[in-house]
Protein backbone atom coordinates (compact mmCIF):
# COMPACT_ATOMS: atom_id res chain seq x y z
CA MET A 1 0.00 0.00 0.00
CA PHE A 2 2.69 2.50 1.01
CA HIS A 3 5.54 1.10 -1.05
CA ASN A 4 7.01 4.47 -2.03
CA ILE A 5 7.42 5.93 1.47
CA GLY A 6 11.04 6.38 2.40
CA VAL A 7 13.08 8.15 5.05
CA PRO A 8 12.72 11.66 3.53
CA GLU A 9 8.94 11.37 3.47
CA LEU A 10 8.82 10.11 7.06
CA LEU A 11 11.02 13.01 8.19
CA ILE A 12 8.68 15.49 6.49
CA VAL A 13 5.69 13.93 8.24
CA LEU A 14 7.53 14.03 11.59
CA VAL A 15 8.39 17.73 11.15
CA LEU A 16 4.79 18.54 10.23
CA VAL A 17 3.50 16.67 13.30
CA LEU A 18 5.97 18.53 15.52
CA ILE A 19 4.86 21.87 14.07
CA PHE A 20 1.17 21.04 14.31
CA PHE A 21 1.05 19.47 17.79
CA GLY A 22 4.21 20.76 19.44
CA VAL A 23 6.68 18.78 21.50
CA GLY A 24 4.58 18.87 24.68
CA LYS A 25 1.53 17.24 23.11
CA LEU A 26 3.36 14.37 21.40
CA PRO A 27 3.06 11.91 24.33
CA GLU A 28 -0.69 12.55 24.54
CA VAL A 29 -1.10 12.12 20.79
CA GLY A 30 0.94 8.91 20.84
CA LYS A 31 -1.09 7.51 23.71
CA ALA A 32 -4.37 8.32 21.99
CA LEU A 33 -3.18 6.86 18.70
CA GLY A 34 -1.95 3.70 20.42
CA GLY A 35 -5.28 3.27 22.18
CA ALA A 36 -7.13 3.71 18.91
CA VAL A 37 -4.95 1.15 17.14
CA ARG A 38 -5.35 -1.29 20.05
CA GLY A 39 -9.13 -0.89 19.97
CA PHE A 40 -9.19 -1.38 16.22
CA ARG A 41 -7.13 -4.57 16.45
CA GLU A 42 -9.32 -5.95 19.24
CA GLY A 43 -12.38 -5.18 17.17
CA GLN A 44 -10.91 -6.94 14.15
CA SER A 45 -9.95 -10.03 16.15
CA GLY A 46 -13.37 -10.24 17.79
CA LYS A 47 -12.06 -9.89 21.34
CA ASP A 48 -14.53 -8.38 23.77
CA THR A 49 -12.94 -6.36 26.56
CA ARG A 50 -16.23 -5.68 28.31
CA SER A 51 -17.21 -7.66 31.38
CA SER A 52 -18.67 -11.12 30.88
CA GLU A 53 -21.68 -10.52 33.11
CA GLY A 54 -24.00 -10.67 30.15
CA PRO A 55 -26.21 -8.02 28.60
CA ALA A 56 -27.91 -5.46 30.78
CA ASP A 57 -31.67 -5.61 31.33
CA PRO A 58 -33.17 -3.78 28.31
CA SER A 59 -36.24 -2.68 30.29
CA GLY A 60 -34.12 -0.41 32.46
CA LYS A 61 -35.97 -1.47 35.62
CA PRO A 62 -33.84 -2.18 38.70
CA GLU A 63 -34.01 -5.66 40.18
CA GLY A 64 -35.65 -6.03 43.54
C-alpha cells in the first residue's frame, strides 16, 4: 500500500506533526493513537474487553 514511502517522506511527516502538535503534546497524541490502534485490532480479532456478566436488562428497571 505505502511502497514508495522512504526516510525523507517520514522526516517530512515528523516535522509537520511537531509543528502542528508541538513537543509537549506528542506523548498525549501517541497515547491516543496507540489506544485507537489497540481498539481497532481488538475489534478486528473479535475480542470483547467488556465484562462477561452478560447483557444489561433492556427494560431499564432495577431488580428487587
